[in-house]
Amino acid sequence: MADGTVPAGWYPDSQLPNTLRWWDGTAWTTHTAPVEPTATPTSATPETIVQAQSSAAPTPTLAQGPAAEPRHRGGLFGRKKAAAVEEPLKKVVVRIESDDGSFNTSNDDEIVVHGYRVFAPDGQLLEHSDLGEVTEGIFYFRLAGATHHRAADELDGDAFSQVLLRHRPDNPHDPNAIEILNQHGMEVVGFVPAKLAPKMIPGLMTITDHGETTTGTMGIVVKTFQRGGRVIGGEIISGVHGYEIQITK
């Protein structure tokens, strides 16, 4: 890379065999996913070394991709900083099964589905909910307002699109609003459902940069719904503060 940075993406986790970990472009996240047998995690082969956001975290060496440090939670929003996690995160392993398909609405519109069904550690099929955690350590919810945001068209349930969840207390319509942004362009793709947002806010991480304080966390898009080639909705999982989600097949 000409500027010495490494692009956001899934890279092999040096601590977990056959596992990818998400690098958000500035630091490691807590999200992991299985290695596809025939897929290459990323086309990038950076040969630079990038200093992690926190001084408490070791510097990952990037050869075939960053060498993951699983106990470090890095910056969440662009280049903002977040403190390293002092205690080990509690791991929640969920299993996924392909759920690609389509169905017709009452208006005979075809809705194309890309993504996965998600199963809890005990094998129970998880259903999205606005009431709180669907299982210990996990929020699973529908993406609200995607039809009003063209950036949502970039989301891909089959590829585990990474998103950022950011509390916006300055929202004129709802001080509990949590907006959802895509990983690369930092564009709004929708919102956390209004009923669920107040339940998520207490568990968000606090980030301070140049006097600006923001609270937020990260999530993974596990399913998208498309109509006429445009994303009109989706389903997202996000870990409760102190938990790490690991995805297996």
Protein backbone atom coordinates (compact mmCIF):
# COMPACT_ATOMS: atom_id res chain seq x y z
CA MET A 1 0.00 0.00 0.00
CA ALA A 2 1.34 3.39 -0.95
CA ASP A 3 0.17 5.08 2.21
CA GLY A 4 1.29 2.24 4.50
CA THR A 5 -2.23 1.33 5.61
CA VAL A 6 -3.99 -2.00 5.44
CA PRO A 7 -7.56 -2.11 4.08
CA ALA A 8 -10.43 -3.30 6.25
CA GLY A 9 -11.28 -6.95 5.70
CA TRP A 10 -11.26 -10.52 6.96
CA TYR A 11 -7.75 -11.89 7.65
CA PRO A 12 -6.46 -15.22 9.04
CA ASP A 13 -6.43 -15.35 12.83
CA SER A 14 -3.02 -16.54 14.00
CA GLN A 15 -4.52 -17.80 17.27
CA LEU A 16 -7.52 -19.73 15.89
CA PRO A 17 -7.04 -22.30 13.08
CA ASN A 18 -9.38 -22.02 10.06
CA THR A 19 -10.71 -18.74 11.40
CA LEU A 20 -10.82 -15.20 10.02
CA ARG A 21 -10.87 -12.07 12.15
CA TRP A 22 -12.11 -8.63 11.02
CA TRP A 23 -9.54 -5.82 10.73
CA ASP A 24 -11.47 -2.51 10.60
CA GLY A 25 -8.72 -0.62 8.80
CA THR A 26 -7.13 0.71 11.98
CA ALA A 27 -7.36 -2.06 14.61
CA TRP A 28 -8.61 -5.58 15.34
CA THR A 29 -12.24 -6.23 16.22
CA THR A 30 -13.80 -9.06 18.23
CA HIS A 31 -15.65 -10.61 15.29
CA THR A 32 -14.56 -13.90 13.72
CA ALA A 33 -15.85 -16.11 10.91
CA PRO A 34 -14.94 -19.52 9.47
CA VAL A 35 -12.57 -19.85 6.53
CA GLU A 36 -14.39 -20.83 3.34
CA PRO A 37 -12.68 -23.92 1.85
CA THR A 38 -12.38 -22.40 -1.65
CA ALA A 39 -12.36 -18.69 -0.81
CA THR A 40 -9.43 -16.39 -0.29
CA PRO A 41 -10.03 -14.04 2.71
CA THR A 42 -8.78 -10.96 0.91
CA SER A 43 -6.89 -10.04 -2.20
CA ALA A 44 -4.66 -7.64 -0.29
CA THR A 45 -1.17 -8.81 0.65
CA PRO A 46 0.20 -5.91 2.68
CA GLU A 47 3.87 -5.99 3.61
CA THR A 48 3.82 -3.13 6.06
CA ILE A 49 3.51 -3.06 9.83
CA VAL A 50 0.67 -1.03 11.26
CA GLN A 51 0.79 0.30 14.81
CA ALA A 52 -2.30 -0.76 16.74
CA GLN A 53 -4.53 1.98 18.14
CA SER A 54 -3.80 1.29 21.79
CA SER A 55 -0.31 1.57 23.26
CA ALA A 56 -1.16 -1.49 25.36
CA ALA A 57 -1.59 -3.64 22.24
CA PRO A 58 1.27 -5.32 20.37
CA THR A 59 2.04 -4.26 16.79
CA PRO A 60 0.58 -6.81 14.32
CA THR A 61 2.95 -7.91 11.56
CA LEU A 62 1.12 -7.93 8.23
CA ALA A 63 2.41 -10.45 5.71
CA GLN A 64 -0.41 -12.65 4.40
CA GLY A 65 -2.67 -10.29 6.34
CA PRO A 66 -2.61 -8.94 9.90
CA ALA A 67 -1.72 -11.39 12.67
CA ALA A 68 -4.71 -11.16 14.98
CA GLU A 69 -4.45 -10.28 18.64
CA PRO A 70 -7.79 -11.66 19.90
CA ARG A 71 -7.84 -9.89 23.25
CA HIS A 72 -7.48 -6.40 21.89
CA ARG A 73 -10.55 -4.39 20.96
CA GLY A 74 -9.45 -1.66 18.56
CA GLY A 75 -10.87 1.61 17.24
CA LEU A 76 -14.49 1.49 16.13
CA PHE A 77 -15.13 4.67 14.19
CA GLY A 78 -12.62 5.61 11.52
CA ARG A 79 -9.45 6.47 13.41
CA LYS A 80 -10.93 7.09 16.83
CA LYS A 81 -9.23 5.32 19.71
CA ALA A 82 -10.57 2.77 22.16
CA ALA A 83 -8.88 1.28 25.19
CA ALA A 84 -7.57 -2.28 25.14
CA VAL A 85 -9.71 -4.86 26.92
CA GLU A 86 -8.14 -5.65 30.28
CA GLU A 87 -9.98 -8.94 30.87
CA PRO A 88 -10.51 -11.82 28.43
CA LEU A 89 -13.75 -11.54 26.47
CA LYS A 90 -16.38 -14.20 27.00
CA LYS A 91 -16.72 -16.15 23.75
CA VAL A 92 -20.13 -17.01 22.30
CA VAL A 93 -20.00 -19.51 19.43
CA VAL A 94 -22.92 -19.41 17.00
CA ARG A 95 -23.51 -21.73 14.07
CA ILE A 96 -24.86 -20.63 10.70
CA GLU A 97 -26.63 -22.34 7.79
CA SER A 98 -27.23 -20.86 4.34
CA ASP A 99 -30.66 -19.27 3.94
CA ASP A 100 -30.45 -17.93 0.38
CA GLY A 101 -33.74 -17.89 -1.49
CA SER A 102 -36.69 -15.72 -2.45
CA PHE A 103 -40.39 -15.18 -1.74
CA ASN A 104 -43.24 -13.05 -3.06
CA THR A 105 -45.09 -10.39 -1.08
CA SER A 106 -48.85 -9.85 -1.12
CA ASN A 107 -48.21 -7.31 -3.89
CA ASP A 108 -46.41 -10.02 -5.88
CA ASP A 109 -43.04 -8.30 -5.43
CA GLU A 110 -40.15 -10.77 -5.39
CA ILE A 111 -37.88 -10.45 -2.35
CA VAL A 112 -34.44 -12.03 -2.76
CA VAL A 113 -32.76 -13.28 0.42
CA HIS A 114 -28.99 -13.54 0.86
CA GLY A 115 -27.44 -14.77 4.09
CA TYR A 116 -27.74 -17.26 6.89
CA ARG A 117 -29.87 -18.70 9.66
CA VAL A 118 -28.13 -18.32 13.02
CA PHE A 119 -28.16 -20.91 15.80
CA ALA A 120 -27.35 -20.34 19.49
CA PRO A 121 -24.67 -22.38 21.30
CA ASP A 122 -27.41 -24.78 22.48
CA GLY A 123 -28.55 -25.37 18.88
CA GLN A 124 -31.69 -23.24 19.06
CA LEU A 125 -32.54 -21.21 15.95
CA LEU A 126 -32.23 -17.53 16.79
CA GLU A 127 -34.97 -15.09 15.78
CA HIS A 128 -34.51 -11.34 15.57
CA SER A 129 -35.99 -9.43 18.50
CA ASP A 130 -36.58 -5.84 19.61
CA LEU A 131 -36.90 -6.89 23.26
CA GLY A 132 -33.23 -7.39 24.18
CA GLU A 133 -30.61 -10.14 23.99
CA VAL A 134 -31.77 -13.19 22.02
CA THR A 135 -29.26 -15.37 23.83
CA GLU A 136 -26.53 -14.60 26.35
CA GLY A 137 -24.22 -11.95 24.95
CA ILE A 138 -25.96 -11.40 21.59
CA PHE A 139 -28.36 -8.86 20.12
CA TYR A 140 -29.99 -9.99 16.87
CA PHE A 141 -32.19 -7.46 15.13
CA ARG A 142 -33.66 -6.22 11.87
CA LEU A 143 -32.05 -3.29 10.05
CA ALA A 144 -34.54 -0.40 10.12
CA GLY A 145 -34.82 2.35 7.51
CA ALA A 146 -32.67 0.75 4.81
CA THR A 147 -35.01 1.88 2.03
CA HIS A 148 -34.14 5.52 2.83
CA HIS A 149 -30.37 5.01 2.52
CA ARG A 150 -28.78 4.10 -0.81
CA ALA A 151 -25.57 3.06 0.95
CA ALA A 152 -27.48 -0.01 2.22
CA ASP A 153 -27.21 -1.46 -1.29
CA GLU A 154 -23.55 -2.24 -0.54
CA LEU A 155 -24.45 -4.66 2.27
CA ASP A 156 -24.11 -8.37 1.56
CA GLY A 157 -25.51 -11.00 3.90
CA ASP A 158 -23.52 -13.77 2.21
CA ALA A 159 -20.23 -11.97 2.88
CA PHE A 160 -20.80 -10.95 6.52
CA SER A 161 -20.66 -7.19 5.84
CA GLN A 162 -19.24 -5.39 8.87
CA VAL A 163 -21.16 -2.39 10.19
CA LEU A 164 -20.68 0.20 12.92
CA LEU A 165 -23.39 1.06 15.43
CA ARG A 166 -23.18 4.60 16.80
CA HIS A 167 -25.43 6.28 19.36
CA ARG A 168 -26.69 9.69 18.20
CA PRO A 169 -28.14 11.53 21.23
CA ASP A 170 -28.34 14.65 19.05
CA ASN A 171 -30.93 13.01 16.78
CA PRO A 172 -33.85 15.51 16.74
CA HIS A 173 -36.46 12.75 16.54
CA ASP A 174 -35.10 10.27 19.09
CA PRO A 175 -32.20 10.84 21.54
CA ASN A 176 -31.87 7.04 21.86
CA ALA A 177 -31.25 6.60 18.12
CA ILE A 178 -28.41 4.25 17.13
CA GLU A 179 -27.39 4.73 13.52
CA ILE A 180 -25.77 1.95 11.49
CA LEU A 181 -22.90 2.82 9.16
CA ASN A 182 -21.10 0.79 6.51
CA GLN A 183 -17.49 -0.09 7.23
CA HIS A 184 -15.70 1.54 4.33
CA GLY A 185 -17.51 4.78 3.45
CA MET A 186 -18.86 5.53 6.93
CA GLU A 187 -22.25 6.16 5.33
CA VAL A 188 -25.52 5.57 7.16
CA VAL A 189 -27.32 2.42 5.99
CA GLY A 190 -30.12 2.43 8.56
CA PHE A 191 -30.88 2.32 12.28
CA VAL A 192 -31.28 -0.09 15.17
CA PRO A 193 -35.04 -0.58 15.77
CA ALA A 194 -36.34 2.22 18.02
CA LYS A 195 -37.69 -0.20 20.64
CA LEU A 196 -34.36 -2.02 21.00
CA ALA A 197 -32.00 0.98 20.97
CA PRO A 198 -32.54 2.05 24.62
CA LYS A 199 -31.70 -1.50 25.74
CA MET A 200 -28.43 -1.50 23.80
CA ILE A 201 -27.12 1.92 24.86
CA PRO A 202 -25.93 0.90 28.39
CA GLY A 203 -23.61 -1.73 26.87
CA LEU A 204 -21.99 0.45 24.20
CA MET A 205 -18.32 1.36 24.39
CA THR A 206 -17.30 4.97 25.07
CA ILE A 207 -14.69 6.50 22.78
CA THR A 208 -13.07 9.92 23.24
CA ASP A 209 -10.99 11.61 20.54
CA HIS A 210 -9.93 15.29 20.52
CA GLY A 211 -12.55 16.09 23.12
CA GLU A 212 -15.36 14.37 21.21
CA THR A 213 -17.07 11.49 23.00
CA THR A 214 -18.96 8.83 21.06
CA THR A 215 -20.54 5.56 22.14
CA GLY A 216 -20.92 2.59 19.85
CA THR A 217 -20.04 -0.97 18.92
CA MET A 218 -19.77 -3.24 15.88
CA GLY A 219 -22.09 -5.70 14.19
CA ILE A 220 -22.20 -8.25 11.39
CA VAL A 221 -24.86 -8.39 8.66
CA VAL A 222 -25.98 -12.03 8.47
CA LYS A 223 -28.88 -11.58 6.04
CA THR A 224 -30.06 -9.05 3.45
CA PHE A 225 -33.38 -8.64 1.65
CA GLN A 226 -33.42 -7.18 -1.87
CA ARG A 227 -36.24 -5.96 -4.07
CA GLY A 228 -35.54 -4.87 -7.63
CA GLY A 229 -31.80 -5.13 -7.01
CA ARG A 230 -31.88 -2.80 -3.99
CA VAL A 231 -31.40 -3.74 -0.34
CA ILE A 232 -34.59 -2.99 1.57
CA GLY A 233 -33.69 -4.64 4.86
CA GLY A 234 -31.40 -7.00 6.68
CA GLU A 235 -30.60 -8.81 9.91
CA ILE A 236 -27.62 -7.98 12.15
CA ILE A 237 -25.95 -9.64 15.12
CA SER A 238 -23.93 -7.65 17.64
CA GLY A 239 -22.18 -8.73 20.80
CA VAL A 240 -22.95 -7.33 24.23
CA HIS A 241 -20.02 -5.47 25.80
CA GLY A 242 -17.55 -8.03 27.20
CA TYR A 243 -18.53 -10.77 24.74
CA GLU A 244 -16.91 -12.02 21.55
CA ILE A 245 -18.96 -13.65 18.81
CA GLN A 246 -17.37 -16.53 16.89
CA ILE A 247 -19.18 -17.83 13.81
CA THR A 248 -18.92 -21.48 12.71
CA LYS A 249 -20.65 -23.61 10.09
